[in-house]
Amino acid sequence: MSITESRIKALEDRVDELTKNFLQMATNQVPVTAKTDNTAVKVEELDQKVEETIYPQWNDKDYQYFAGEKVSYKDKYYRCIQSHTSQADWTPDATPALWARADDPGEEWPEWVQPVGAQDAYEKGDKVSHNEKHWVSDYDNNVWEPGVYGWSEA
């Protein structure tokens, strides 16, 4: 089994476990806001586990990253745009040739960030907030500022 296949399998197993925990909570009719000691999985812990599954912490110890993988680093999210082996000085926030910003999956209207190039341009249908308004991208590979070109106000 390749490294990628084993990572995919591990993520699938983790998602299955989280789904079972969530279904157990729903079956026991535990309110989502409940915070009791007998709750199978506390809501905060479940949220954290889902986030860690989707965006694991960036690893600077010669870790092999593949294009498309996602990580969290300093409370921000990134997507690998070029396969590489990590090293301490290639942090996601400092290497735009390797990493592009990624939006918080829990945020419906994330703040617009100026793309640095095609690798982190917005796709058609992407939602952002900018200048106290909500915008939806009209085009793939959109690098324009909302309100200037290529966006429809929602």
N, C-alpha and C. Protein backbone atom coordinates (compact mmCIF):
# COMPACT_ATOMS: atom_id res chain seq x y z
N MET A 1 0.86 -1.17 0.00
CA MET A 1 0.00 0.00 0.00
C MET A 1 0.90 1.24 0.00
N SER A 2 0.62 2.19 -0.90
CA SER A 2 1.43 3.40 -0.99
C SER A 2 1.12 4.33 0.18
N ILE A 3 1.97 5.35 0.34
CA ILE A 3 1.78 6.33 1.41
C ILE A 3 0.43 7.03 1.23
N THR A 4 0.13 7.42 -0.01
CA THR A 4 -1.13 8.11 -0.27
C THR A 4 -2.32 7.21 0.05
N GLU A 5 -2.27 5.94 -0.38
CA GLU A 5 -3.36 5.02 -0.10
C GLU A 5 -3.54 4.82 1.40
N SER A 6 -2.42 4.73 2.14
CA SER A 6 -2.54 4.53 3.58
C SER A 6 -3.11 5.77 4.26
N ARG A 7 -2.77 6.96 3.77
CA ARG A 7 -3.34 8.20 4.32
C ARG A 7 -4.84 8.26 4.04
N ILE A 8 -5.21 7.91 2.82
CA ILE A 8 -6.63 7.92 2.47
C ILE A 8 -7.39 6.94 3.35
N LYS A 9 -6.85 5.75 3.54
CA LYS A 9 -7.49 4.73 4.37
C LYS A 9 -7.63 5.25 5.80
N ALA A 10 -6.57 5.87 6.33
CA ALA A 10 -6.61 6.40 7.70
C ALA A 10 -7.69 7.48 7.82
N LEU A 11 -7.79 8.36 6.82
CA LEU A 11 -8.81 9.40 6.85
C LEU A 11 -10.21 8.80 6.75
N GLU A 12 -10.38 7.81 5.88
CA GLU A 12 -11.69 7.15 5.77
C GLU A 12 -12.08 6.49 7.09
N ASP A 13 -11.13 5.82 7.74
CA ASP A 13 -11.41 5.19 9.03
C ASP A 13 -11.80 6.23 10.07
N ARG A 14 -11.11 7.37 10.05
CA ARG A 14 -11.38 8.42 11.03
C ARG A 14 -12.77 9.02 10.79
N VAL A 15 -13.12 9.24 9.53
CA VAL A 15 -14.43 9.78 9.21
C VAL A 15 -15.52 8.79 9.63
N ASP A 16 -15.28 7.49 9.40
CA ASP A 16 -16.24 6.47 9.83
C ASP A 16 -16.44 6.51 11.34
N GLU A 17 -15.35 6.63 12.08
CA GLU A 17 -15.43 6.68 13.55
C GLU A 17 -16.21 7.91 14.00
N LEU A 18 -15.92 9.07 13.39
CA LEU A 18 -16.62 10.30 13.76
C LEU A 18 -18.10 10.21 13.41
N THR A 19 -18.41 9.60 12.27
CA THR A 19 -19.80 9.43 11.86
C THR A 19 -20.55 8.55 12.86
N LYS A 20 -19.92 7.45 13.27
CA LYS A 20 -20.54 6.56 14.26
C LYS A 20 -20.79 7.30 15.56
N ASN A 21 -19.82 8.09 16.01
CA ASN A 21 -19.99 8.85 17.25
C ASN A 21 -21.14 9.85 17.12
N PHE A 22 -21.20 10.52 15.97
CA PHE A 22 -22.26 11.49 15.77
C PHE A 22 -23.62 10.80 15.75
N LEU A 23 -23.71 9.68 15.04
CA LEU A 23 -24.97 8.94 14.98
C LEU A 23 -25.38 8.43 16.35
N GLN A 24 -24.39 8.04 17.16
CA GLN A 24 -24.70 7.59 18.51
C GLN A 24 -25.30 8.74 19.31
N MET A 25 -24.74 9.93 19.16
CA MET A 25 -25.27 11.09 19.85
C MET A 25 -26.70 11.38 19.39
N ALA A 26 -26.92 11.31 18.07
CA ALA A 26 -28.25 11.59 17.52
C ALA A 26 -29.26 10.54 17.95
N THR A 27 -28.86 9.27 17.95
CA THR A 27 -29.74 8.17 18.35
C THR A 27 -30.14 8.30 19.81
N ASN A 28 -29.21 8.73 20.64
CA ASN A 28 -29.50 8.91 22.05
C ASN A 28 -30.21 10.23 22.31
N GLN A 29 -30.50 10.95 21.24
CA GLN A 29 -31.19 12.22 21.30
C GLN A 29 -30.49 13.21 22.23
N VAL A 30 -29.17 13.22 22.13
CA VAL A 30 -28.39 14.17 22.91
C VAL A 30 -28.40 15.49 22.14
N PRO A 31 -28.88 16.56 22.74
CA PRO A 31 -28.88 17.84 22.03
C PRO A 31 -27.47 18.23 21.63
N VAL A 32 -27.35 18.87 20.47
CA VAL A 32 -26.04 19.26 19.97
C VAL A 32 -25.32 20.18 20.95
N THR A 33 -26.06 20.96 21.72
CA THR A 33 -25.44 21.88 22.65
C THR A 33 -25.13 21.25 24.00
N ALA A 34 -25.49 19.97 24.16
CA ALA A 34 -25.28 19.31 25.45
C ALA A 34 -23.79 19.20 25.78
N LYS A 35 -23.47 19.38 27.05
CA LYS A 35 -22.09 19.26 27.52
C LYS A 35 -22.12 18.49 28.83
N THR A 36 -22.43 17.22 28.75
CA THR A 36 -22.53 16.41 29.95
C THR A 36 -21.43 15.36 29.96
N ASP A 37 -21.08 14.87 31.14
CA ASP A 37 -20.03 13.87 31.25
C ASP A 37 -20.40 12.55 30.58
N ASN A 38 -21.68 12.24 30.50
CA ASN A 38 -22.08 10.97 29.91
C ASN A 38 -22.34 11.05 28.41
N THR A 39 -22.10 12.21 27.80
CA THR A 39 -22.23 12.35 26.36
C THR A 39 -21.11 11.53 25.70
N ALA A 40 -21.47 10.73 24.70
CA ALA A 40 -20.48 9.86 24.05
C ALA A 40 -19.27 10.65 23.56
N VAL A 41 -19.51 11.72 22.87
CA VAL A 41 -18.42 12.58 22.40
C VAL A 41 -18.91 14.01 22.56
N LYS A 42 -18.18 14.81 23.28
CA LYS A 42 -18.58 16.19 23.46
C LYS A 42 -18.50 16.92 22.13
N VAL A 43 -19.39 17.85 21.92
CA VAL A 43 -19.49 18.55 20.66
C VAL A 43 -18.16 19.21 20.29
N GLU A 44 -17.50 19.86 21.24
CA GLU A 44 -16.24 20.53 20.96
C GLU A 44 -15.18 19.53 20.52
N GLU A 45 -15.14 18.37 21.17
CA GLU A 45 -14.17 17.35 20.81
C GLU A 45 -14.44 16.82 19.41
N LEU A 46 -15.70 16.64 19.07
CA LEU A 46 -16.07 16.16 17.74
C LEU A 46 -15.65 17.18 16.69
N ASP A 47 -15.94 18.46 16.93
CA ASP A 47 -15.53 19.50 16.00
C ASP A 47 -14.02 19.50 15.81
N GLN A 48 -13.28 19.40 16.91
CA GLN A 48 -11.82 19.41 16.85
C GLN A 48 -11.31 18.21 16.07
N LYS A 49 -11.90 17.04 16.29
CA LYS A 49 -11.46 15.83 15.58
C LYS A 49 -11.73 15.93 14.10
N VAL A 50 -12.88 16.49 13.71
CA VAL A 50 -13.18 16.67 12.30
C VAL A 50 -12.17 17.62 11.68
N GLU A 51 -11.88 18.74 12.36
CA GLU A 51 -10.92 19.70 11.85
C GLU A 51 -9.54 19.07 11.70
N GLU A 52 -9.11 18.30 12.70
CA GLU A 52 -7.80 17.65 12.64
C GLU A 52 -7.74 16.62 11.53
N THR A 53 -8.88 16.00 11.20
CA THR A 53 -8.92 15.02 10.12
C THR A 53 -8.79 15.72 8.78
N ILE A 54 -9.50 16.82 8.60
CA ILE A 54 -9.47 17.54 7.33
C ILE A 54 -8.20 18.37 7.19
N TYR A 55 -7.79 19.04 8.25
CA TYR A 55 -6.62 19.91 8.24
C TYR A 55 -5.66 19.54 9.37
N PRO A 56 -4.90 18.45 9.21
CA PRO A 56 -3.94 18.11 10.26
C PRO A 56 -2.87 19.20 10.38
N GLN A 57 -2.22 19.27 11.53
CA GLN A 57 -1.16 20.25 11.75
C GLN A 57 -0.01 20.01 10.77
N TRP A 58 0.55 21.09 10.23
CA TRP A 58 1.70 21.00 9.34
C TRP A 58 2.87 20.36 10.07
N ASN A 59 3.60 19.51 9.39
CA ASN A 59 4.72 18.77 9.97
C ASN A 59 6.00 19.21 9.27
N ASP A 60 6.96 19.73 10.03
CA ASP A 60 8.20 20.23 9.44
C ASP A 60 9.34 19.19 9.43
N LYS A 61 9.05 17.97 9.79
CA LYS A 61 10.08 16.93 9.96
C LYS A 61 10.19 16.00 8.75
N ASP A 62 10.67 16.51 7.62
CA ASP A 62 10.86 15.68 6.42
C ASP A 62 9.64 14.86 6.06
N TYR A 63 8.49 15.50 6.10
CA TYR A 63 7.22 14.83 5.81
C TYR A 63 6.90 15.00 4.32
N GLN A 64 6.52 13.93 3.65
CA GLN A 64 6.19 14.00 2.22
C GLN A 64 4.76 14.50 2.05
N TYR A 65 4.62 15.69 1.45
CA TYR A 65 3.31 16.24 1.14
C TYR A 65 3.05 16.10 -0.35
N PHE A 66 1.79 15.85 -0.68
CA PHE A 66 1.39 15.70 -2.06
C PHE A 66 0.42 16.82 -2.43
N ALA A 67 0.46 17.25 -3.69
CA ALA A 67 -0.43 18.31 -4.16
C ALA A 67 -1.87 17.96 -3.81
N GLY A 68 -2.58 18.94 -3.25
CA GLY A 68 -3.97 18.76 -2.87
C GLY A 68 -4.17 18.50 -1.39
N GLU A 69 -3.12 18.07 -0.68
CA GLU A 69 -3.27 17.83 0.76
C GLU A 69 -3.49 19.15 1.48
N LYS A 70 -4.20 19.07 2.60
CA LYS A 70 -4.53 20.27 3.37
C LYS A 70 -3.91 20.17 4.76
N VAL A 71 -3.51 21.33 5.31
CA VAL A 71 -2.93 21.38 6.65
C VAL A 71 -3.40 22.65 7.35
N SER A 72 -3.22 22.66 8.66
CA SER A 72 -3.40 23.90 9.42
C SER A 72 -2.04 24.31 9.95
N TYR A 73 -1.84 25.61 10.02
CA TYR A 73 -0.58 26.17 10.51
C TYR A 73 -0.87 27.55 11.07
N LYS A 74 -0.54 27.76 12.34
CA LYS A 74 -0.78 29.04 13.01
C LYS A 74 -2.24 29.50 12.84
N ASP A 75 -3.17 28.57 13.11
CA ASP A 75 -4.61 28.85 13.07
C ASP A 75 -5.12 29.28 11.70
N LYS A 76 -4.39 28.93 10.63
CA LYS A 76 -4.85 29.19 9.27
C LYS A 76 -4.77 27.88 8.50
N TYR A 77 -5.46 27.83 7.37
CA TYR A 77 -5.55 26.62 6.58
C TYR A 77 -4.85 26.80 5.25
N TYR A 78 -4.20 25.72 4.80
CA TYR A 78 -3.43 25.76 3.56
C TYR A 78 -3.65 24.49 2.76
N ARG A 79 -3.48 24.61 1.41
CA ARG A 79 -3.58 23.49 0.49
C ARG A 79 -2.23 23.37 -0.22
N CYS A 80 -1.67 22.18 -0.26
CA CYS A 80 -0.40 21.95 -0.94
C CYS A 80 -0.61 22.06 -2.45
N ILE A 81 0.19 22.89 -3.11
CA ILE A 81 0.04 23.05 -4.55
C ILE A 81 1.16 22.39 -5.33
N GLN A 82 2.21 21.96 -4.63
CA GLN A 82 3.31 21.27 -5.29
C GLN A 82 3.85 20.21 -4.34
N SER A 83 3.89 18.97 -4.78
CA SER A 83 4.40 17.89 -3.93
C SER A 83 5.83 18.21 -3.51
N HIS A 84 6.14 17.91 -2.26
CA HIS A 84 7.48 18.20 -1.74
C HIS A 84 7.66 17.51 -0.39
N THR A 85 8.89 17.51 0.09
CA THR A 85 9.20 17.02 1.43
C THR A 85 9.42 18.24 2.31
N SER A 86 8.72 18.28 3.43
CA SER A 86 8.77 19.47 4.29
C SER A 86 10.13 19.66 4.92
N GLN A 87 10.39 20.90 5.24
CA GLN A 87 11.55 21.26 6.05
C GLN A 87 11.17 22.50 6.85
N ALA A 88 11.85 22.71 7.94
CA ALA A 88 11.45 23.70 8.93
C ALA A 88 11.29 25.11 8.36
N ASP A 89 12.08 25.50 7.39
CA ASP A 89 11.99 26.86 6.88
C ASP A 89 11.05 27.00 5.67
N TRP A 90 10.34 25.94 5.32
CA TRP A 90 9.35 26.00 4.25
C TRP A 90 7.95 26.01 4.84
N THR A 91 7.69 26.91 5.74
CA THR A 91 6.38 26.96 6.40
C THR A 91 5.31 27.37 5.38
N PRO A 92 4.08 26.91 5.58
CA PRO A 92 3.02 27.24 4.62
C PRO A 92 2.81 28.74 4.42
N ASP A 93 2.99 29.53 5.46
CA ASP A 93 2.78 30.97 5.33
C ASP A 93 3.92 31.69 4.62
N ALA A 94 5.04 31.00 4.42
CA ALA A 94 6.22 31.66 3.84
C ALA A 94 6.63 31.09 2.48
N THR A 95 5.90 30.10 1.97
CA THR A 95 6.30 29.48 0.70
C THR A 95 5.12 29.37 -0.27
N PRO A 96 4.77 30.48 -0.93
CA PRO A 96 3.62 30.45 -1.85
C PRO A 96 3.83 29.54 -3.05
N ALA A 97 5.05 29.12 -3.33
CA ALA A 97 5.28 28.17 -4.42
C ALA A 97 4.84 26.76 -4.02
N LEU A 98 4.72 26.51 -2.71
CA LEU A 98 4.36 25.18 -2.22
C LEU A 98 2.95 25.13 -1.63
N TRP A 99 2.51 26.27 -1.05
CA TRP A 99 1.25 26.28 -0.31
C TRP A 99 0.37 27.45 -0.73
N ALA A 100 -0.93 27.21 -0.80
CA ALA A 100 -1.91 28.26 -1.06
C ALA A 100 -2.87 28.30 0.12
N ARG A 101 -3.39 29.45 0.43
CA ARG A 101 -4.34 29.57 1.52
C ARG A 101 -5.57 28.72 1.20
N ALA A 102 -6.23 28.27 2.23
CA ALA A 102 -7.49 27.53 2.09
C ALA A 102 -8.46 28.11 3.10
N ASP A 103 -9.72 28.15 2.74
CA ASP A 103 -10.72 28.75 3.62
C ASP A 103 -11.10 27.80 4.74
N ASP A 104 -11.50 28.38 5.85
CA ASP A 104 -12.01 27.62 6.99
C ASP A 104 -13.27 26.90 6.53
N PRO A 105 -13.29 25.56 6.64
CA PRO A 105 -14.46 24.83 6.16
C PRO A 105 -15.74 25.12 6.94
N GLY A 106 -15.61 25.69 8.12
CA GLY A 106 -16.78 26.00 8.93
C GLY A 106 -17.33 27.40 8.69
N GLU A 107 -16.69 28.14 7.81
CA GLU A 107 -17.09 29.53 7.58
C GLU A 107 -17.74 29.65 6.20
N GLU A 108 -19.01 30.06 6.17
CA GLU A 108 -19.72 30.14 4.89
C GLU A 108 -19.21 31.28 4.02
N TRP A 109 -18.90 32.41 4.62
CA TRP A 109 -18.45 33.59 3.87
C TRP A 109 -17.07 34.04 4.39
N PRO A 110 -16.01 33.30 4.07
CA PRO A 110 -14.68 33.69 4.56
C PRO A 110 -14.23 35.02 3.95
N GLU A 111 -13.37 35.69 4.66
CA GLU A 111 -12.85 36.97 4.21
C GLU A 111 -12.04 36.78 2.93
N TRP A 112 -12.26 37.65 1.93
CA TRP A 112 -11.52 37.59 0.68
C TRP A 112 -10.05 37.88 0.93
N VAL A 113 -9.18 37.12 0.28
CA VAL A 113 -7.74 37.32 0.34
C VAL A 113 -7.24 37.44 -1.09
N GLN A 114 -6.43 38.47 -1.37
CA GLN A 114 -5.91 38.66 -2.74
C GLN A 114 -5.07 37.46 -3.15
N PRO A 115 -5.46 36.75 -4.20
CA PRO A 115 -4.65 35.63 -4.67
C PRO A 115 -3.29 36.13 -5.18
N VAL A 116 -2.27 35.29 -5.02
CA VAL A 116 -0.95 35.65 -5.51
C VAL A 116 -0.73 35.13 -6.92
N GLY A 117 -1.59 34.23 -7.38
CA GLY A 117 -1.46 33.68 -8.73
C GLY A 117 -2.53 32.66 -8.99
N ALA A 118 -2.34 31.91 -10.06
CA ALA A 118 -3.33 30.90 -10.47
C ALA A 118 -3.49 29.80 -9.42
N GLN A 119 -2.43 29.53 -8.66
CA GLN A 119 -2.48 28.43 -7.70
C GLN A 119 -3.45 28.67 -6.56
N ASP A 120 -3.79 29.91 -6.27
CA ASP A 120 -4.74 30.16 -5.18
C ASP A 120 -5.89 31.07 -5.62
N ALA A 121 -6.14 31.11 -6.93
CA ALA A 121 -7.25 31.90 -7.46
C ALA A 121 -8.58 31.27 -7.03
N TYR A 122 -9.61 32.07 -6.99
CA TYR A 122 -10.93 31.60 -6.62
C TYR A 122 -11.59 30.90 -7.81
N GLU A 123 -12.43 29.92 -7.49
CA GLU A 123 -13.14 29.18 -8.52
C GLU A 123 -14.58 29.68 -8.61
N LYS A 124 -15.23 29.41 -9.73
CA LYS A 124 -16.62 29.80 -9.92
C LYS A 124 -17.46 29.22 -8.79
N GLY A 125 -18.28 30.08 -8.17
CA GLY A 125 -19.14 29.65 -7.08
C GLY A 125 -18.55 29.86 -5.69
N ASP A 126 -17.24 30.16 -5.59
CA ASP A 126 -16.65 30.42 -4.29
C ASP A 126 -17.31 31.64 -3.65
N LYS A 127 -17.53 31.56 -2.34
CA LYS A 127 -18.16 32.64 -1.59
C LYS A 127 -17.12 33.35 -0.73
N VAL A 128 -17.23 34.68 -0.66
CA VAL A 128 -16.33 35.46 0.20
C VAL A 128 -17.10 36.64 0.78
N SER A 129 -16.51 37.22 1.83
CA SER A 129 -16.99 38.50 2.32
C SER A 129 -15.88 39.52 2.07
N HIS A 130 -16.30 40.74 1.70
CA HIS A 130 -15.32 41.79 1.41
C HIS A 130 -16.05 43.13 1.49
N ASN A 131 -15.45 44.07 2.20
CA ASN A 131 -16.03 45.39 2.39
C ASN A 131 -17.48 45.32 2.88
N GLU A 132 -17.68 44.44 3.88
CA GLU A 132 -18.97 44.28 4.55
C GLU A 132 -20.09 43.80 3.63
N LYS A 133 -19.72 43.12 2.54
CA LYS A 133 -20.70 42.54 1.62
C LYS A 133 -20.31 41.09 1.35
N HIS A 134 -21.28 40.32 0.86
CA HIS A 134 -21.03 38.94 0.46
C HIS A 134 -20.97 38.87 -1.06
N TRP A 135 -20.02 38.05 -1.56
CA TRP A 135 -19.80 37.95 -2.99
C TRP A 135 -19.68 36.48 -3.40
N VAL A 136 -20.06 36.20 -4.65
CA VAL A 136 -19.91 34.86 -5.24
C VAL A 136 -19.12 35.03 -6.54
N SER A 137 -18.08 34.22 -6.70
CA SER A 137 -17.23 34.30 -7.89
C SER A 137 -18.00 33.85 -9.13
N ASP A 138 -17.90 34.65 -10.19
CA ASP A 138 -18.58 34.35 -11.44
C ASP A 138 -17.72 33.49 -12.37
N TYR A 139 -16.42 33.38 -12.08
CA TYR A 139 -15.50 32.71 -12.99
C TYR A 139 -14.52 31.80 -12.25
N ASP A 140 -14.01 30.80 -12.95
CA ASP A 140 -12.88 30.02 -12.45
C ASP A 140 -11.62 30.87 -12.58
N ASN A 141 -10.63 30.60 -11.75
CA ASN A 141 -9.34 31.30 -11.78
C ASN A 141 -9.50 32.81 -11.59
N ASN A 142 -10.39 33.19 -10.69
CA ASN A 142 -10.69 34.59 -10.43
C ASN A 142 -9.68 35.18 -9.45
N VAL A 143 -8.92 36.18 -9.90
CA VAL A 143 -7.95 36.86 -9.04
C VAL A 143 -8.35 38.32 -8.79
N TRP A 144 -9.52 38.71 -9.30
CA TRP A 144 -9.98 40.09 -9.16
C TRP A 144 -10.58 40.34 -7.78
N GLU A 145 -10.54 41.58 -7.36
CA GLU A 145 -11.15 41.98 -6.10
C GLU A 145 -12.66 42.05 -6.27
N PRO A 146 -13.41 41.52 -5.29
CA PRO A 146 -14.87 41.64 -5.37
C PRO A 146 -15.30 43.11 -5.47
N GLY A 147 -16.26 43.36 -6.34
CA GLY A 147 -16.72 44.73 -6.55
C GLY A 147 -16.03 45.40 -7.72
N VAL A 148 -14.91 44.82 -8.17
CA VAL A 148 -14.18 45.38 -9.30
C VAL A 148 -14.56 44.63 -10.58
N TYR A 149 -14.46 43.29 -10.54
CA TYR A 149 -14.76 42.47 -11.70
C TYR A 149 -14.86 41.01 -11.27
N GLY A 150 -15.74 40.27 -11.93
CA GLY A 150 -15.77 38.81 -11.76
C GLY A 150 -16.52 38.29 -10.56
N TRP A 151 -17.26 39.13 -9.86
CA TRP A 151 -18.00 38.72 -8.67
C TRP A 151 -19.42 39.28 -8.73
N SER A 152 -20.36 38.52 -8.21
CA SER A 152 -21.73 38.99 -8.06
C SER A 152 -22.02 39.18 -6.59
N GLU A 153 -22.64 40.29 -6.24
CA GLU A 153 -23.00 40.51 -4.84
C GLU A 153 -24.15 39.59 -4.48
N ALA A 154 -24.03 38.93 -3.33
CA ALA A 154 -25.07 37.99 -2.90
C ALA A 154 -26.10 38.69 -2.06
